[in-house]
């Protein structure tokens, strides 16, 4: 079953740290979000393999947007 990695708030993706096929552990940084002039890490909620990435650097995102999925 796929696990979604979501964005905690509205902002801009500054950097994506993973690619499809990468293995990640729980709490590994997946991307960096810029919101309210601060940069915040977006971390994986579980261990798994990155199945898809739905954002790219520079993209504006809404709160709860799915930025990637794990399998």
N, C-alpha and C. Protein backbone atom coordinates (compact mmCIF):
# COMPACT_ATOMS: atom_id res chain seq x y z
N UNK A 1 0.84 -1.19 0.00
CA UNK A 1 0.00 0.00 0.00
C UNK A 1 0.89 1.25 0.00
N UNK A 2 0.56 2.21 -0.80
CA UNK A 2 1.36 3.43 -0.92
C UNK A 2 1.11 4.36 0.27
N UNK A 3 2.17 5.03 0.69
CA UNK A 3 2.11 6.04 1.74
C UNK A 3 2.37 7.39 1.09
N UNK A 4 1.53 8.37 1.40
CA UNK A 4 1.70 9.69 0.82
C UNK A 4 2.57 10.57 1.71
N UNK A 5 3.45 11.33 1.07
CA UNK A 5 4.23 12.35 1.77
C UNK A 5 3.58 13.67 1.40
N UNK A 6 3.07 14.39 2.40
CA UNK A 6 2.31 15.61 2.13
C UNK A 6 3.04 16.86 2.63
N UNK A 7 2.63 17.97 2.10
CA UNK A 7 3.18 19.27 2.46
C UNK A 7 2.41 19.81 3.67
N UNK A 8 3.09 20.25 4.72
CA UNK A 8 2.38 20.69 5.92
C UNK A 8 1.67 22.04 5.79
N UNK A 9 2.10 22.88 4.84
CA UNK A 9 1.49 24.21 4.69
C UNK A 9 1.74 24.75 3.30
N UNK A 10 1.09 25.86 2.99
CA UNK A 10 1.29 26.53 1.70
C UNK A 10 2.71 27.07 1.63
N UNK A 11 3.34 26.93 0.48
CA UNK A 11 4.69 27.46 0.32
C UNK A 11 5.27 27.10 -1.03
N UNK A 12 6.59 27.20 -1.12
CA UNK A 12 7.30 26.90 -2.37
C UNK A 12 8.34 25.82 -2.09
N UNK A 13 8.38 24.82 -2.95
CA UNK A 13 9.40 23.77 -2.84
C UNK A 13 10.73 24.37 -3.29
N UNK A 14 11.71 24.37 -2.40
CA UNK A 14 13.03 24.93 -2.70
C UNK A 14 13.94 23.86 -3.29
N UNK A 15 13.82 22.64 -2.77
CA UNK A 15 14.72 21.56 -3.18
C UNK A 15 14.02 20.22 -2.98
N UNK A 16 14.22 19.30 -3.91
CA UNK A 16 13.75 17.92 -3.76
C UNK A 16 15.00 17.07 -3.58
N UNK A 17 15.07 16.34 -2.46
CA UNK A 17 16.28 15.61 -2.09
C UNK A 17 16.29 14.15 -2.51
N UNK A 18 15.21 13.67 -3.10
CA UNK A 18 15.13 12.25 -3.48
C UNK A 18 14.71 12.12 -4.94
N UNK A 19 14.87 10.92 -5.46
CA UNK A 19 14.38 10.62 -6.81
C UNK A 19 13.65 9.29 -6.76
N UNK A 20 12.87 9.00 -7.79
CA UNK A 20 12.12 7.75 -7.86
C UNK A 20 13.09 6.58 -7.74
N UNK A 21 12.74 5.63 -6.87
CA UNK A 21 13.58 4.46 -6.65
C UNK A 21 14.47 4.55 -5.43
N UNK A 22 14.64 5.77 -4.88
CA UNK A 22 15.46 5.93 -3.67
C UNK A 22 14.79 5.26 -2.48
N UNK A 23 15.58 4.65 -1.63
CA UNK A 23 15.08 4.09 -0.37
C UNK A 23 15.25 5.15 0.71
N UNK A 24 14.21 5.33 1.52
CA UNK A 24 14.25 6.31 2.61
C UNK A 24 13.82 5.64 3.91
N UNK A 25 14.33 6.17 5.00
CA UNK A 25 13.94 5.72 6.33
C UNK A 25 12.92 6.71 6.89
N UNK A 26 12.21 6.30 7.92
CA UNK A 26 11.28 7.21 8.58
C UNK A 26 12.05 8.45 9.05
N UNK A 27 11.51 9.62 8.84
CA UNK A 27 12.08 10.92 9.21
C UNK A 27 13.24 11.37 8.33
N UNK A 28 13.54 10.67 7.23
CA UNK A 28 14.54 11.17 6.28
C UNK A 28 13.97 12.40 5.56
N UNK A 29 14.81 13.39 5.30
CA UNK A 29 14.37 14.58 4.57
C UNK A 29 14.12 14.23 3.11
N UNK A 30 12.95 14.62 2.62
CA UNK A 30 12.55 14.35 1.24
C UNK A 30 12.65 15.63 0.40
N UNK A 31 12.30 16.77 1.00
CA UNK A 31 12.32 18.04 0.29
C UNK A 31 12.43 19.18 1.30
N UNK A 32 12.65 20.38 0.77
CA UNK A 32 12.67 21.58 1.61
C UNK A 32 11.59 22.52 1.11
N UNK A 33 10.77 23.00 2.04
CA UNK A 33 9.66 23.92 1.76
C UNK A 33 10.01 25.30 2.31
N UNK A 34 9.79 26.33 1.51
CA UNK A 34 9.94 27.70 1.99
C UNK A 34 8.56 28.27 2.23
N UNK A 35 8.32 28.70 3.46
CA UNK A 35 7.03 29.30 3.83
C UNK A 35 7.30 30.38 4.88
N UNK A 36 6.67 31.51 4.74
CA UNK A 36 6.83 32.62 5.68
C UNK A 36 8.30 32.98 5.87
N UNK A 37 9.07 32.96 4.78
CA UNK A 37 10.49 33.32 4.75
C UNK A 37 11.35 32.37 5.59
N UNK A 38 10.85 31.17 5.87
CA UNK A 38 11.62 30.15 6.58
C UNK A 38 11.70 28.91 5.70
N UNK A 39 12.80 28.17 5.83
CA UNK A 39 12.92 26.90 5.12
C UNK A 39 12.67 25.78 6.12
N UNK A 40 11.79 24.85 5.74
CA UNK A 40 11.43 23.74 6.62
C UNK A 40 11.60 22.43 5.87
N UNK A 41 12.16 21.42 6.55
CA UNK A 41 12.29 20.12 5.89
C UNK A 41 10.94 19.41 5.84
N UNK A 42 10.70 18.70 4.76
CA UNK A 42 9.56 17.78 4.66
C UNK A 42 10.18 16.39 4.78
N UNK A 43 9.71 15.62 5.76
CA UNK A 43 10.32 14.32 6.04
C UNK A 43 9.37 13.17 5.72
N UNK A 44 9.95 12.02 5.52
CA UNK A 44 9.16 10.82 5.22
C UNK A 44 8.46 10.33 6.48
N UNK A 45 7.17 10.01 6.40
CA UNK A 45 6.44 9.51 7.57
C UNK A 45 6.73 8.04 7.86
N UNK A 46 7.38 7.35 6.94
CA UNK A 46 7.65 5.91 7.10
C UNK A 46 8.84 5.53 6.23
N UNK A 47 9.36 4.34 6.47
CA UNK A 47 10.43 3.80 5.63
C UNK A 47 9.82 3.22 4.36
N UNK A 48 10.55 3.27 3.26
CA UNK A 48 10.06 2.69 2.02
C UNK A 48 10.89 3.14 0.83
N UNK A 49 10.37 2.91 -0.35
CA UNK A 49 11.01 3.30 -1.60
C UNK A 49 10.15 4.35 -2.28
N UNK A 50 10.78 5.42 -2.77
CA UNK A 50 10.05 6.49 -3.44
C UNK A 50 9.45 5.94 -4.74
N UNK A 51 8.12 5.98 -4.82
CA UNK A 51 7.40 5.47 -5.99
C UNK A 51 7.14 6.58 -7.01
N UNK A 52 6.81 7.78 -6.53
CA UNK A 52 6.57 8.90 -7.44
C UNK A 52 6.90 10.21 -6.74
N UNK A 53 7.26 11.20 -7.54
CA UNK A 53 7.50 12.56 -7.04
C UNK A 53 6.59 13.48 -7.85
N UNK A 54 5.78 14.26 -7.14
CA UNK A 54 4.76 15.07 -7.80
C UNK A 54 5.09 16.56 -7.86
N UNK A 55 6.28 16.96 -7.38
CA UNK A 55 6.66 18.37 -7.37
C UNK A 55 8.08 18.52 -7.89
N UNK A 56 8.45 19.77 -8.16
CA UNK A 56 9.83 20.07 -8.55
C UNK A 56 10.23 21.37 -7.87
N UNK A 57 11.52 21.63 -7.79
CA UNK A 57 12.03 22.85 -7.17
C UNK A 57 11.43 24.07 -7.85
N UNK A 58 11.01 25.05 -7.04
CA UNK A 58 10.41 26.27 -7.55
C UNK A 58 8.89 26.23 -7.63
N UNK A 59 8.31 25.07 -7.43
CA UNK A 59 6.86 24.91 -7.55
C UNK A 59 6.14 25.38 -6.29
N UNK A 60 5.06 26.14 -6.47
CA UNK A 60 4.20 26.54 -5.36
C UNK A 60 3.28 25.37 -5.01
N UNK A 61 3.09 25.12 -3.71
CA UNK A 61 2.24 24.01 -3.28
C UNK A 61 1.24 24.47 -2.24
N UNK A 62 0.12 23.79 -2.18
CA UNK A 62 -0.92 24.05 -1.19
C UNK A 62 -0.70 23.15 0.02
N UNK A 63 -1.32 23.50 1.14
CA UNK A 63 -1.28 22.66 2.33
C UNK A 63 -1.89 21.30 2.01
N UNK A 64 -1.30 20.26 2.51
CA UNK A 64 -1.74 18.87 2.34
C UNK A 64 -1.58 18.34 0.91
N UNK A 65 -0.86 19.06 0.05
CA UNK A 65 -0.58 18.55 -1.30
C UNK A 65 0.33 17.33 -1.18
N UNK A 66 0.07 16.32 -1.99
CA UNK A 66 0.90 15.11 -2.00
C UNK A 66 2.14 15.41 -2.84
N UNK A 67 3.31 15.44 -2.18
CA UNK A 67 4.53 15.75 -2.92
C UNK A 67 5.23 14.50 -3.44
N UNK A 68 5.00 13.36 -2.77
CA UNK A 68 5.61 12.11 -3.21
C UNK A 68 4.85 10.94 -2.58
N UNK A 69 5.06 9.75 -3.14
CA UNK A 69 4.48 8.54 -2.56
C UNK A 69 5.57 7.51 -2.34
N UNK A 70 5.36 6.71 -1.31
CA UNK A 70 6.27 5.61 -0.95
C UNK A 70 5.57 4.30 -1.21
N UNK A 71 6.35 3.27 -1.50
CA UNK A 71 5.77 1.92 -1.56
C UNK A 71 6.56 1.01 -0.66
